[in-house]
Structure formats: structure tokens, C-alpha cells
mmCIF file of all heavy atoms, coordinates in Angstrom:
data_MODEL
# 
_entry.id   MODEL 
# 
loop_
_atom_site.group_PDB 
_atom_site.id 
_atom_site.type_symbol 
_atom_site.label_atom_id 
_atom_site.label_alt_id 
_atom_site.label_comp_id 
_atom_site.label_asym_id 
_atom_site.label_entity_id 
_atom_site.label_seq_id 
_atom_site.pdbx_PDB_ins_code 
_atom_site.Cartn_x 
_atom_site.Cartn_y 
_atom_site.Cartn_z 
_atom_site.occupancy 
_atom_site.B_iso_or_equiv 
_atom_site.pdbx_formal_charge 
_atom_site.auth_seq_id 
_atom_site.auth_comp_id 
_atom_site.auth_asym_id 
_atom_site.auth_atom_id 
_atom_site.pdbx_PDB_model_num 
ATOM 1   N N   . HIS A 1 1  ? 0.853  -1.186  -0.005  1.00 0.00 ? 1  HIS A N   1 
ATOM 2   C CA  . HIS A 1 1  ? -0.014 -0.047  0.028   1.00 0.00 ? 1  HIS A CA  1 
ATOM 3   C C   . HIS A 1 1  ? 0.814  1.235   0.007   1.00 0.00 ? 1  HIS A C   1 
ATOM 4   O O   . HIS A 1 1  ? 0.301  2.381   -0.104  1.00 0.00 ? 1  HIS A O   1 
ATOM 5   C CB  . HIS A 1 1  ? -0.979 -0.035  1.169   1.00 0.00 ? 1  HIS A CB  1 
ATOM 6   C CG  . HIS A 1 1  ? -0.250 0.045   2.479   1.00 0.00 ? 1  HIS A CG  1 
ATOM 7   N ND1 . HIS A 1 1  ? 0.435  -1.093  3.040   1.00 0.00 ? 1  HIS A ND1 1 
ATOM 8   C CD2 . HIS A 1 1  ? 0.099  0.971   3.394   1.00 0.00 ? 1  HIS A CD2 1 
ATOM 9   C CE1 . HIS A 1 1  ? 0.968  -0.788  4.233   1.00 0.00 ? 1  HIS A CE1 1 
ATOM 10  N NE2 . HIS A 1 1  ? 0.829  0.444   4.404   1.00 0.00 ? 1  HIS A NE2 1 
ATOM 11  N N   . TYR A 1 2  ? 2.120  1.162   0.008   1.00 0.00 ? 2  TYR A N   1 
ATOM 12  C CA  . TYR A 1 2  ? 3.022  2.292   0.014   1.00 0.00 ? 2  TYR A CA  1 
ATOM 13  C C   . TYR A 1 2  ? 2.937  2.949   -1.529  1.00 0.00 ? 2  TYR A C   1 
ATOM 14  O O   . TYR A 1 2  ? 3.189  2.247   -2.438  1.00 0.00 ? 2  TYR A O   1 
ATOM 15  C CB  . TYR A 1 2  ? 4.536  1.984   0.211   1.00 0.00 ? 2  TYR A CB  1 
ATOM 16  C CG  . TYR A 1 2  ? 4.881  1.579   1.476   1.00 0.00 ? 2  TYR A CG  1 
ATOM 17  C CD1 . TYR A 1 2  ? 3.962  1.280   2.494   1.00 0.00 ? 2  TYR A CD1 1 
ATOM 18  C CD2 . TYR A 1 2  ? 6.259  1.549   1.932   1.00 0.00 ? 2  TYR A CD2 1 
ATOM 19  C CE1 . TYR A 1 2  ? 4.383  0.832   3.797   1.00 0.00 ? 2  TYR A CE1 1 
ATOM 20  C CE2 . TYR A 1 2  ? 6.605  1.254   3.244   1.00 0.00 ? 2  TYR A CE2 1 
ATOM 21  C CZ  . TYR A 1 2  ? 5.694  0.850   4.167   1.00 0.00 ? 2  TYR A CZ  1 
ATOM 22  O OH  . TYR A 1 2  ? 6.127  0.492   5.361   1.00 0.00 ? 2  TYR A OH  1 
ATOM 23  N N   . GLY A 1 3  ? 2.548  4.168   -1.545  1.00 0.00 ? 3  GLY A N   1 
ATOM 24  C CA  . GLY A 1 3  ? 2.257  4.753   -2.850  1.00 0.00 ? 3  GLY A CA  1 
ATOM 25  C C   . GLY A 1 3  ? 3.561  5.027   -3.679  1.00 0.00 ? 3  GLY A C   1 
ATOM 26  O O   . GLY A 1 3  ? 3.552  5.114   -4.926  1.00 0.00 ? 3  GLY A O   1 
ATOM 27  N N   . ASN A 1 4  ? 4.731  4.992   -3.046  1.00 0.00 ? 4  ASN A N   1 
ATOM 28  C CA  . ASN A 1 4  ? 5.959  5.401   -3.668  1.00 0.00 ? 4  ASN A CA  1 
ATOM 29  C C   . ASN A 1 4  ? 6.740  4.164   -4.165  1.00 0.00 ? 4  ASN A C   1 
ATOM 30  O O   . ASN A 1 4  ? 7.777  4.197   -4.846  1.00 0.00 ? 4  ASN A O   1 
ATOM 31  C CB  . ASN A 1 4  ? 6.916  6.092   -2.696  1.00 0.00 ? 4  ASN A CB  1 
ATOM 32  C CG  . ASN A 1 4  ? 7.230  5.378   -1.397  1.00 0.00 ? 4  ASN A CG  1 
ATOM 33  O OD1 . ASN A 1 4  ? 6.392  4.703   -0.856  1.00 0.00 ? 4  ASN A OD1 1 
ATOM 34  N ND2 . ASN A 1 4  ? 8.379  5.425   -0.963  1.00 0.00 ? 4  ASN A ND2 1 
ATOM 35  N N   . ILE A 1 5  ? 6.323  2.940   -3.881  1.00 0.00 ? 5  ILE A N   1 
ATOM 36  C CA  . ILE A 1 5  ? 7.027  1.771   -4.164  1.00 0.00 ? 5  ILE A CA  1 
ATOM 37  C C   . ILE A 1 5  ? 6.116  0.832   -5.173  1.00 0.00 ? 5  ILE A C   1 
ATOM 38  O O   . ILE A 1 5  ? 5.011  0.525   -4.776  1.00 0.00 ? 5  ILE A O   1 
ATOM 39  C CB  . ILE A 1 5  ? 7.283  0.978   -2.853  1.00 0.00 ? 5  ILE A CB  1 
ATOM 40  C CG1 . ILE A 1 5  ? 8.266  1.851   -2.096  1.00 0.00 ? 5  ILE A CG1 1 
ATOM 41  C CG2 . ILE A 1 5  ? 8.047  -0.368  -3.286  1.00 0.00 ? 5  ILE A CG2 1 
ATOM 42  C CD1 . ILE A 1 5  ? 8.675  1.165   -0.672  1.00 0.00 ? 5  ILE A CD1 1 
ATOM 43  N N   . HIS A 1 6  ? 6.691  0.530   -6.249  1.00 0.00 ? 6  HIS A N   1 
ATOM 44  C CA  . HIS A 1 6  ? 6.113  -0.422  -7.191  1.00 0.00 ? 6  HIS A CA  1 
ATOM 45  C C   . HIS A 1 6  ? 6.765  -1.802  -6.773  1.00 0.00 ? 6  HIS A C   1 
ATOM 46  O O   . HIS A 1 6  ? 7.902  -1.960  -6.711  1.00 0.00 ? 6  HIS A O   1 
ATOM 47  C CB  . HIS A 1 6  ? 6.470  -0.053  -8.673  1.00 0.00 ? 6  HIS A CB  1 
ATOM 48  C CG  . HIS A 1 6  ? 6.064  -1.075  -9.671  1.00 0.00 ? 6  HIS A CG  1 
ATOM 49  N ND1 . HIS A 1 6  ? 4.629  -1.346  -9.887  1.00 0.00 ? 6  HIS A ND1 1 
ATOM 50  C CD2 . HIS A 1 6  ? 6.725  -1.927  -10.469 1.00 0.00 ? 6  HIS A CD2 1 
ATOM 51  C CE1 . HIS A 1 6  ? 4.507  -2.229  -10.840 1.00 0.00 ? 6  HIS A CE1 1 
ATOM 52  N NE2 . HIS A 1 6  ? 5.772  -2.657  -11.077 1.00 0.00 ? 6  HIS A NE2 1 
ATOM 53  N N   . VAL A 1 7  ? 5.778  -2.712  -6.513  1.00 0.00 ? 7  VAL A N   1 
ATOM 54  C CA  . VAL A 1 7  ? 6.250  -4.092  -6.094  1.00 0.00 ? 7  VAL A CA  1 
ATOM 55  C C   . VAL A 1 7  ? 5.938  -5.170  -6.993  1.00 0.00 ? 7  VAL A C   1 
ATOM 56  O O   . VAL A 1 7  ? 4.776  -5.137  -7.520  1.00 0.00 ? 7  VAL A O   1 
ATOM 57  C CB  . VAL A 1 7  ? 5.642  -4.427  -4.715  1.00 0.00 ? 7  VAL A CB  1 
ATOM 58  C CG1 . VAL A 1 7  ? 6.094  -5.798  -4.160  1.00 0.00 ? 7  VAL A CG1 1 
ATOM 59  C CG2 . VAL A 1 7  ? 5.894  -3.294  -3.647  1.00 0.00 ? 7  VAL A CG2 1 
ATOM 60  N N   . ILE A 1 8  ? 6.927  -5.956  -7.359  1.00 0.00 ? 8  ILE A N   1 
ATOM 61  C CA  . ILE A 1 8  ? 6.662  -7.193  -8.214  1.00 0.00 ? 8  ILE A CA  1 
ATOM 62  C C   . ILE A 1 8  ? 6.896  -8.402  -7.278  1.00 0.00 ? 8  ILE A C   1 
ATOM 63  O O   . ILE A 1 8  ? 7.950  -8.608  -6.868  1.00 0.00 ? 8  ILE A O   1 
ATOM 64  C CB  . ILE A 1 8  ? 7.576  -7.119  -9.404  1.00 0.00 ? 8  ILE A CB  1 
ATOM 65  C CG1 . ILE A 1 8  ? 7.299  -5.895  -10.276 1.00 0.00 ? 8  ILE A CG1 1 
ATOM 66  C CG2 . ILE A 1 8  ? 7.450  -8.501  -10.165 1.00 0.00 ? 8  ILE A CG2 1 
ATOM 67  C CD1 . ILE A 1 8  ? 8.260  -5.728  -11.360 1.00 0.00 ? 8  ILE A CD1 1 
ATOM 68  N N   . LEU A 1 9  ? 5.855  -9.195  -7.096  1.00 0.00 ? 9  LEU A N   1 
ATOM 69  C CA  . LEU A 1 9  ? 5.959  -10.421 -6.327  1.00 0.00 ? 9  LEU A CA  1 
ATOM 70  C C   . LEU A 1 9  ? 6.213  -11.583 -7.365  1.00 0.00 ? 9  LEU A C   1 
ATOM 71  O O   . LEU A 1 9  ? 5.383  -11.807 -8.289  1.00 0.00 ? 9  LEU A O   1 
ATOM 72  C CB  . LEU A 1 9  ? 4.838  -10.683 -5.539  1.00 0.00 ? 9  LEU A CB  1 
ATOM 73  C CG  . LEU A 1 9  ? 4.694  -12.063 -4.836  1.00 0.00 ? 9  LEU A CG  1 
ATOM 74  C CD1 . LEU A 1 9  ? 5.796  -12.154 -3.778  1.00 0.00 ? 9  LEU A CD1 1 
ATOM 75  C CD2 . LEU A 1 9  ? 3.309  -12.319 -4.116  1.00 0.00 ? 9  LEU A CD2 1 
ATOM 76  N N   . LEU A 1 10 ? 7.313  -12.335 -7.172  1.00 0.00 ? 10 LEU A N   1 
ATOM 77  C CA  . LEU A 1 10 ? 7.638  -13.416 -8.024  1.00 0.00 ? 10 LEU A CA  1 
ATOM 78  C C   . LEU A 1 10 ? 6.531  -14.517 -7.765  1.00 0.00 ? 10 LEU A C   1 
ATOM 79  O O   . LEU A 1 10 ? 6.227  -14.868 -6.654  1.00 0.00 ? 10 LEU A O   1 
ATOM 80  C CB  . LEU A 1 10 ? 9.073  -13.959 -7.769  1.00 0.00 ? 10 LEU A CB  1 
ATOM 81  C CG  . LEU A 1 10 ? 10.146 -13.016 -8.085  1.00 0.00 ? 10 LEU A CG  1 
ATOM 82  C CD1 . LEU A 1 10 ? 11.513 -13.531 -7.543  1.00 0.00 ? 10 LEU A CD1 1 
ATOM 83  C CD2 . LEU A 1 10 ? 10.255 -12.670 -9.560  1.00 0.00 ? 10 LEU A CD2 1 
ATOM 84  N N   . GLY A 1 11 ? 6.003  -15.049 -8.843  1.00 0.00 ? 11 GLY A N   1 
ATOM 85  C CA  . GLY A 1 11 ? 5.030  -16.119 -8.746  1.00 0.00 ? 11 GLY A CA  1 
ATOM 86  C C   . GLY A 1 11 ? 5.768  -17.478 -8.488  1.00 0.00 ? 11 GLY A C   1 
ATOM 87  O O   . GLY A 1 11 ? 7.026  -17.518 -8.445  1.00 0.00 ? 11 GLY A O   1 
ATOM 88  N N   . GLY A 1 12 ? 5.049  -18.532 -8.299  1.00 0.00 ? 12 GLY A N   1 
ATOM 89  C CA  . GLY A 1 12 ? 5.631  -19.813 -8.162  1.00 0.00 ? 12 GLY A CA  1 
ATOM 90  C C   . GLY A 1 12 ? 5.049  -20.636 -6.973  1.00 0.00 ? 12 GLY A C   1 
ATOM 91  O O   . GLY A 1 12 ? 3.875  -20.223 -6.469  1.00 0.00 ? 12 GLY A O   1 
ATOM 92  N N   . ASN A 1 13 ? 5.835  -21.606 -6.526  1.00 0.00 ? 13 ASN A N   1 
ATOM 93  C CA  . ASN A 1 13 ? 5.360  -22.382 -5.410  1.00 0.00 ? 13 ASN A CA  1 
ATOM 94  C C   . ASN A 1 13 ? 5.528  -21.498 -4.099  1.00 0.00 ? 13 ASN A C   1 
ATOM 95  O O   . ASN A 1 13 ? 6.316  -20.522 -4.105  1.00 0.00 ? 13 ASN A O   1 
ATOM 96  C CB  . ASN A 1 13 ? 6.255  -23.517 -5.203  1.00 0.00 ? 13 ASN A CB  1 
ATOM 97  C CG  . ASN A 1 13 ? 6.168  -24.446 -6.409  1.00 0.00 ? 13 ASN A CG  1 
ATOM 98  O OD1 . ASN A 1 13 ? 5.092  -24.781 -6.867  1.00 0.00 ? 13 ASN A OD1 1 
ATOM 99  N ND2 . ASN A 1 13 ? 7.332  -24.947 -6.797  1.00 0.00 ? 13 ASN A ND2 1 
ATOM 100 N N   . ILE A 1 14 ? 4.650  -21.731 -3.181  1.00 0.00 ? 14 ILE A N   1 
ATOM 101 C CA  . ILE A 1 14 ? 4.723  -20.986 -1.873  1.00 0.00 ? 14 ILE A CA  1 
ATOM 102 C C   . ILE A 1 14 ? 5.107  -21.763 -0.763  1.00 0.00 ? 14 ILE A C   1 
ATOM 103 O O   . ILE A 1 14 ? 4.587  -22.794 -0.461  1.00 0.00 ? 14 ILE A O   1 
ATOM 104 C CB  . ILE A 1 14 ? 3.305  -20.391 -1.588  1.00 0.00 ? 14 ILE A CB  1 
ATOM 105 C CG1 . ILE A 1 14 ? 2.804  -19.441 -2.720  1.00 0.00 ? 14 ILE A CG1 1 
ATOM 106 C CG2 . ILE A 1 14 ? 3.250  -19.675 -0.271  1.00 0.00 ? 14 ILE A CG2 1 
ATOM 107 C CD1 . ILE A 1 14 ? 1.419  -18.899 -2.632  1.00 0.00 ? 14 ILE A CD1 1 
ATOM 108 N N   . ASP A 1 15 ? 6.127  -21.320 0.066   1.00 0.00 ? 15 ASP A N   1 
ATOM 109 C CA  . ASP A 1 15 ? 6.442  -21.811 1.301   1.00 0.00 ? 15 ASP A CA  1 
ATOM 110 C C   . ASP A 1 15 ? 5.615  -20.999 2.320   1.00 0.00 ? 15 ASP A C   1 
ATOM 111 O O   . ASP A 1 15 ? 5.840  -19.914 2.638   1.00 0.00 ? 15 ASP A O   1 
ATOM 112 C CB  . ASP A 1 15 ? 7.945  -21.583 1.569   1.00 0.00 ? 15 ASP A CB  1 
ATOM 113 C CG  . ASP A 1 15 ? 8.342  -22.218 2.945   1.00 0.00 ? 15 ASP A CG  1 
ATOM 114 O OD1 . ASP A 1 15 ? 7.753  -21.874 3.896   1.00 0.00 ? 15 ASP A OD1 1 
ATOM 115 O OD2 . ASP A 1 15 ? 9.373  -22.914 2.989   1.00 0.00 ? 15 ASP A OD2 1 
ATOM 116 N N   . HIS A 1 16 ? 4.445  -21.777 2.749   1.00 0.00 ? 16 HIS A N   1 
ATOM 117 C CA  . HIS A 1 16 ? 3.535  -21.023 3.646   1.00 0.00 ? 16 HIS A CA  1 
ATOM 118 C C   . HIS A 1 16 ? 4.197  -20.693 5.081   1.00 0.00 ? 16 HIS A C   1 
ATOM 119 O O   . HIS A 1 16 ? 3.803  -19.657 5.588   1.00 0.00 ? 16 HIS A O   1 
ATOM 120 C CB  . HIS A 1 16 ? 2.380  -21.992 3.839   1.00 0.00 ? 16 HIS A CB  1 
ATOM 121 C CG  . HIS A 1 16 ? 1.532  -22.122 2.571   1.00 0.00 ? 16 HIS A CG  1 
ATOM 122 N ND1 . HIS A 1 16 ? 0.628  -21.092 2.180   1.00 0.00 ? 16 HIS A ND1 1 
ATOM 123 C CD2 . HIS A 1 16 ? 1.498  -23.138 1.697   1.00 0.00 ? 16 HIS A CD2 1 
ATOM 124 C CE1 . HIS A 1 16 ? 0.023  -21.453 0.987   1.00 0.00 ? 16 HIS A CE1 1 
ATOM 125 N NE2 . HIS A 1 16 ? 0.596  -22.665 0.644   1.00 0.00 ? 16 HIS A NE2 1 
ATOM 126 N N   . TRP A 1 17 ? 5.046  -21.575 5.465   1.00 0.00 ? 17 TRP A N   1 
ATOM 127 C CA  . TRP A 1 17 ? 5.593  -21.349 6.807   1.00 0.00 ? 17 TRP A CA  1 
ATOM 128 C C   . TRP A 1 17 ? 6.443  -20.088 6.845   1.00 0.00 ? 17 TRP A C   1 
ATOM 129 O O   . TRP A 1 17 ? 6.444  -19.360 7.735   1.00 0.00 ? 17 TRP A O   1 
ATOM 130 C CB  . TRP A 1 17 ? 6.387  -22.587 7.191   1.00 0.00 ? 17 TRP A CB  1 
ATOM 131 C CG  . TRP A 1 17 ? 6.972  -22.487 8.613   1.00 0.00 ? 17 TRP A CG  1 
ATOM 132 C CD1 . TRP A 1 17 ? 8.344  -22.177 8.926   1.00 0.00 ? 17 TRP A CD1 1 
ATOM 133 C CD2 . TRP A 1 17 ? 6.294  -22.561 9.809   1.00 0.00 ? 17 TRP A CD2 1 
ATOM 134 N NE1 . TRP A 1 17 ? 8.491  -22.171 10.232  1.00 0.00 ? 17 TRP A NE1 1 
ATOM 135 C CE2 . TRP A 1 17 ? 7.258  -22.441 10.812  1.00 0.00 ? 17 TRP A CE2 1 
ATOM 136 C CE3 . TRP A 1 17 ? 4.913  -22.858 10.266  1.00 0.00 ? 17 TRP A CE3 1 
ATOM 137 C CZ2 . TRP A 1 17 ? 6.951  -22.385 12.184  1.00 0.00 ? 17 TRP A CZ2 1 
ATOM 138 C CZ3 . TRP A 1 17 ? 4.621  -22.807 11.581  1.00 0.00 ? 17 TRP A CZ3 1 
ATOM 139 C CH2 . TRP A 1 17 ? 5.677  -22.541 12.530  1.00 0.00 ? 17 TRP A CH2 1 
ATOM 140 N N   . ASN A 1 18 ? 7.336  -20.016 5.812   1.00 0.00 ? 18 ASN A N   1 
ATOM 141 C CA  . ASN A 1 18 ? 8.282  -18.870 5.755   1.00 0.00 ? 18 ASN A CA  1 
ATOM 142 C C   . ASN A 1 18 ? 7.835  -17.698 4.937   1.00 0.00 ? 18 ASN A C   1 
ATOM 143 O O   . ASN A 1 18 ? 8.608  -16.727 4.724   1.00 0.00 ? 18 ASN A O   1 
ATOM 144 C CB  . ASN A 1 18 ? 9.618  -19.431 5.287   1.00 0.00 ? 18 ASN A CB  1 
ATOM 145 C CG  . ASN A 1 18 ? 10.271 -20.360 6.284   1.00 0.00 ? 18 ASN A CG  1 
ATOM 146 O OD1 . ASN A 1 18 ? 10.474 -20.033 7.391   1.00 0.00 ? 18 ASN A OD1 1 
ATOM 147 N ND2 . ASN A 1 18 ? 10.540 -21.599 5.896   1.00 0.00 ? 18 ASN A ND2 1 
ATOM 148 N N   . GLN A 1 19 ? 6.605  -17.911 4.265   1.00 0.00 ? 19 GLN A N   1 
ATOM 149 C CA  . GLN A 1 19 ? 6.153  -16.823 3.418   1.00 0.00 ? 19 GLN A CA  1 
ATOM 150 C C   . GLN A 1 19 ? 6.970  -16.253 2.323   1.00 0.00 ? 19 GLN A C   1 
ATOM 151 O O   . GLN A 1 19 ? 7.222  -15.089 2.223   1.00 0.00 ? 19 GLN A O   1 
ATOM 152 C CB  . GLN A 1 19 ? 5.746  -15.593 4.431   1.00 0.00 ? 19 GLN A CB  1 
ATOM 153 C CG  . GLN A 1 19 ? 4.646  -15.842 5.418   1.00 0.00 ? 19 GLN A CG  1 
ATOM 154 C CD  . GLN A 1 19 ? 3.270  -16.083 4.659   1.00 0.00 ? 19 GLN A CD  1 
ATOM 155 O OE1 . GLN A 1 19 ? 2.857  -15.155 4.141   1.00 0.00 ? 19 GLN A OE1 1 
ATOM 156 N NE2 . GLN A 1 19 ? 2.706  -17.275 4.652   1.00 0.00 ? 19 GLN A NE2 1 
ATOM 157 N N   . PHE A 1 20 ? 7.356  -17.218 1.496   1.00 0.00 ? 20 PHE A N   1 
ATOM 158 C CA  . PHE A 1 20 ? 8.140  -16.797 0.224   1.00 0.00 ? 20 PHE A CA  1 
ATOM 159 C C   . PHE A 1 20 ? 7.752  -17.804 -0.892  1.00 0.00 ? 20 PHE A C   1 
ATOM 160 O O   . PHE A 1 20 ? 7.174  -18.905 -0.716  1.00 0.00 ? 20 PHE A O   1 
ATOM 161 C CB  . PHE A 1 20 ? 9.637  -16.696 0.482   1.00 0.00 ? 20 PHE A CB  1 
ATOM 162 C CG  . PHE A 1 20 ? 10.283 -18.164 0.798   1.00 0.00 ? 20 PHE A CG  1 
ATOM 163 C CD1 . PHE A 1 20 ? 10.463 -19.038 -0.204  1.00 0.00 ? 20 PHE A CD1 1 
ATOM 164 C CD2 . PHE A 1 20 ? 10.752 -18.318 2.091   1.00 0.00 ? 20 PHE A CD2 1 
ATOM 165 C CE1 . PHE A 1 20 ? 11.132 -20.315 -0.048  1.00 0.00 ? 20 PHE A CE1 1 
ATOM 166 C CE2 . PHE A 1 20 ? 11.359 -19.593 2.273   1.00 0.00 ? 20 PHE A CE2 1 
ATOM 167 C CZ  . PHE A 1 20 ? 11.563 -20.481 1.351   1.00 0.00 ? 20 PHE A CZ  1 
ATOM 168 N N   . THR A 1 21 ? 8.100  -17.257 -2.116  1.00 0.00 ? 21 THR A N   1 
ATOM 169 C CA  . THR A 1 21 ? 7.786  -18.056 -3.319  1.00 0.00 ? 21 THR A CA  1 
ATOM 170 C C   . THR A 1 21 ? 9.091  -18.575 -3.757  1.00 0.00 ? 21 THR A C   1 
ATOM 171 O O   . THR A 1 21 ? 10.214 -18.035 -3.490  1.00 0.00 ? 21 THR A O   1 
ATOM 172 C CB  . THR A 1 21 ? 7.142  -17.208 -4.425  1.00 0.00 ? 21 THR A CB  1 
ATOM 173 O OG1 . THR A 1 21 ? 7.998  -16.119 -4.742  1.00 0.00 ? 21 THR A OG1 1 
ATOM 174 C CG2 . THR A 1 21 ? 5.826  -16.614 -4.019  1.00 0.00 ? 21 THR A CG2 1 
ATOM 175 N N   . TYR A 1 22 ? 9.037  -19.693 -4.577  1.00 0.00 ? 22 TYR A N   1 
ATOM 176 C CA  . TYR A 1 22 ? 10.253 -20.336 -5.010  1.00 0.00 ? 22 TYR A CA  1 
ATOM 177 C C   . TYR A 1 22 ? 9.926  -21.235 -6.313  1.00 0.00 ? 22 TYR A C   1 
ATOM 178 O O   . TYR A 1 22 ? 8.712  -21.328 -6.578  1.00 0.00 ? 22 TYR A O   1 
ATOM 179 C CB  . TYR A 1 22 ? 10.950 -21.179 -3.884  1.00 0.00 ? 22 TYR A CB  1 
ATOM 180 C CG  . TYR A 1 22 ? 10.123 -22.427 -3.540  1.00 0.00 ? 22 TYR A CG  1 
ATOM 181 C CD1 . TYR A 1 22 ? 10.264 -23.651 -4.050  1.00 0.00 ? 22 TYR A CD1 1 
ATOM 182 C CD2 . TYR A 1 22 ? 9.035  -22.258 -2.543  1.00 0.00 ? 22 TYR A CD2 1 
ATOM 183 C CE1 . TYR A 1 22 ? 9.487  -24.730 -3.803  1.00 0.00 ? 22 TYR A CE1 1 
ATOM 184 C CE2 . TYR A 1 22 ? 8.269  -23.345 -2.254  1.00 0.00 ? 22 TYR A CE2 1 
ATOM 185 C CZ  . TYR A 1 22 ? 8.495  -24.568 -2.765  1.00 0.00 ? 22 TYR A CZ  1 
ATOM 186 O OH  . TYR A 1 22 ? 7.639  -25.620 -2.465  1.00 0.00 ? 22 TYR A OH  1 
ATOM 187 N N   . GLY A 1 23 ? 10.938 -21.815 -6.796  1.00 0.00 ? 23 GLY A N   1 
ATOM 188 C CA  . GLY A 1 23 ? 10.633 -22.736 -7.829  1.00 0.00 ? 23 GLY A CA  1 
ATOM 189 C C   . GLY A 1 23 ? 10.866 -22.252 -9.280  1.00 0.00 ? 23 GLY A C   1 
ATOM 190 O O   . GLY A 1 23 ? 11.232 -21.125 -9.522  1.00 0.00 ? 23 GLY A O   1 
ATOM 191 N N   . ASP A 1 24 ? 10.597 -23.172 -10.289 1.00 0.00 ? 24 ASP A N   1 
ATOM 192 C CA  . ASP A 1 24 ? 10.826 -22.845 -11.541 1.00 0.00 ? 24 ASP A CA  1 
ATOM 193 C C   . ASP A 1 24 ? 10.039 -21.499 -12.156 1.00 0.00 ? 24 ASP A C   1 
ATOM 194 O O   . ASP A 1 24 ? 10.617 -20.731 -12.842 1.00 0.00 ? 24 ASP A O   1 
ATOM 195 C CB  . ASP A 1 24 ? 10.425 -23.948 -12.626 1.00 0.00 ? 24 ASP A CB  1 
ATOM 196 C CG  . ASP A 1 24 ? 11.347 -25.115 -12.430 1.00 0.00 ? 24 ASP A CG  1 
ATOM 197 O OD1 . ASP A 1 24 ? 12.469 -24.957 -11.942 1.00 0.00 ? 24 ASP A OD1 1 
ATOM 198 O OD2 . ASP A 1 24 ? 10.953 -26.317 -12.932 1.00 0.00 ? 24 ASP A OD2 1 
ATOM 199 N N   . ASP A 1 25 ? 8.890  -21.367 -11.784 1.00 0.00 ? 25 ASP A N   1 
ATOM 200 C CA  . ASP A 1 25 ? 8.081  -20.229 -12.082 1.00 0.00 ? 25 ASP A CA  1 
ATOM 201 C C   . ASP A 1 25 ? 8.728  -18.953 -11.647 1.00 0.00 ? 25 ASP A C   1 
ATOM 202 O O   . ASP A 1 25 ? 8.844  -17.978 -12.336 1.00 0.00 ? 25 ASP A O   1 
ATOM 203 C CB  . ASP A 1 25 ? 6.547  -20.363 -11.624 1.00 0.00 ? 25 ASP A CB  1 
ATOM 204 C CG  . ASP A 1 25 ? 5.815  -21.430 -12.449 1.00 0.00 ? 25 ASP A CG  1 
ATOM 205 O OD1 . ASP A 1 25 ? 6.254  -21.664 -13.558 1.00 0.00 ? 25 ASP A OD1 1 
ATOM 206 O OD2 . ASP A 1 25 ? 4.874  -21.837 -12.022 1.00 0.00 ? 25 ASP A OD2 1 
ATOM 207 N N   . ALA A 1 26 ? 9.073  -18.958 -10.378 1.00 0.00 ? 26 ALA A N   1 
ATOM 208 C CA  . ALA A 1 26 ? 9.748  -17.739 -9.761  1.00 0.00 ? 26 ALA A CA  1 
ATOM 209 C C   . ALA A 1 26 ? 11.098 -17.407 -10.449 1.00 0.00 ? 26 ALA A C   1 
ATOM 210 O O   . ALA A 1 26 ? 11.306 -16.276 -10.716 1.00 0.00 ? 26 ALA A O   1 
ATOM 211 C CB  . ALA A 1 26 ? 9.972  -18.008 -8.256  1.00 0.00 ? 26 ALA A CB  1 
ATOM 212 N N   . ILE A 1 27 ? 11.793 -18.486 -10.740 1.00 0.00 ? 27 ILE A N   1 
ATOM 213 C CA  . ILE A 1 27 ? 13.029 -18.283 -11.414 1.00 0.00 ? 27 ILE A CA  1 
ATOM 214 C C   . ILE A 1 27 ? 12.932 -17.738 -12.886 1.00 0.00 ? 27 ILE A C   1 
ATOM 215 O O   . ILE A 1 27 ? 13.672 -16.792 -13.295 1.00 0.00 ? 27 ILE A O   1 
ATOM 216 C CB  . ILE A 1 27 ? 13.968 -19.645 -11.472 1.00 0.00 ? 27 ILE A CB  1 
ATOM 217 C CG1 . ILE A 1 27 ? 14.262 -20.082 -9.977  1.00 0.00 ? 27 ILE A CG1 1 
ATOM 218 C CG2 . ILE A 1 27 ? 15.197 -19.434 -12.271 1.00 0.00 ? 27 ILE A CG2 1 
ATOM 219 C CD1 . ILE A 1 27 ? 15.113 -19.141 -9.270  1.00 0.00 ? 27 ILE A CD1 1 
ATOM 220 N N   . ASN A 1 28 ? 11.912 -18.301 -13.559 1.00 0.00 ? 28 ASN A N   1 
ATOM 221 C CA  . ASN A 1 28 ? 11.760 -17.864 -14.964 1.00 0.00 ? 28 ASN A CA  1 
ATOM 222 C C   . ASN A 1 28 ? 11.243 -16.340 -14.952 1.00 0.00 ? 28 ASN A C   1 
ATOM 223 O O   . ASN A 1 28 ? 11.679 -15.559 -15.776 1.00 0.00 ? 28 ASN A O   1 
ATOM 224 C CB  . ASN A 1 28 ? 10.689 -18.783 -15.587 1.00 0.00 ? 28 ASN A CB  1 
ATOM 225 C CG  . ASN A 1 28 ? 11.209 -20.162 -15.962 1.00 0.00 ? 28 ASN A CG  1 
ATOM 226 O OD1 . ASN A 1 28 ? 12.397 -20.311 -16.156 1.00 0.00 ? 28 ASN A OD1 1 
ATOM 227 N ND2 . ASN A 1 28 ? 10.403 -21.117 -16.091 1.00 0.00 ? 28 ASN A ND2 1 
# 
């Protein structure tokens, strides 16, 4: 929600416990 920052979240698999994405889709 910060108006000054454009954020791109890498897609892919989700590690729910540590709250991050990973895997081939994220790398591509």
C-alpha cells in the first residue's frame, strides 16, 4: 500500500511457513 513503491511479487510455489515463493516459475 506504499504509494511510492512499485512491487513485483515473483510467482511460483509458496512456502507457507516462511512466506516466500520459489521454484521454476519464480526463477523464470
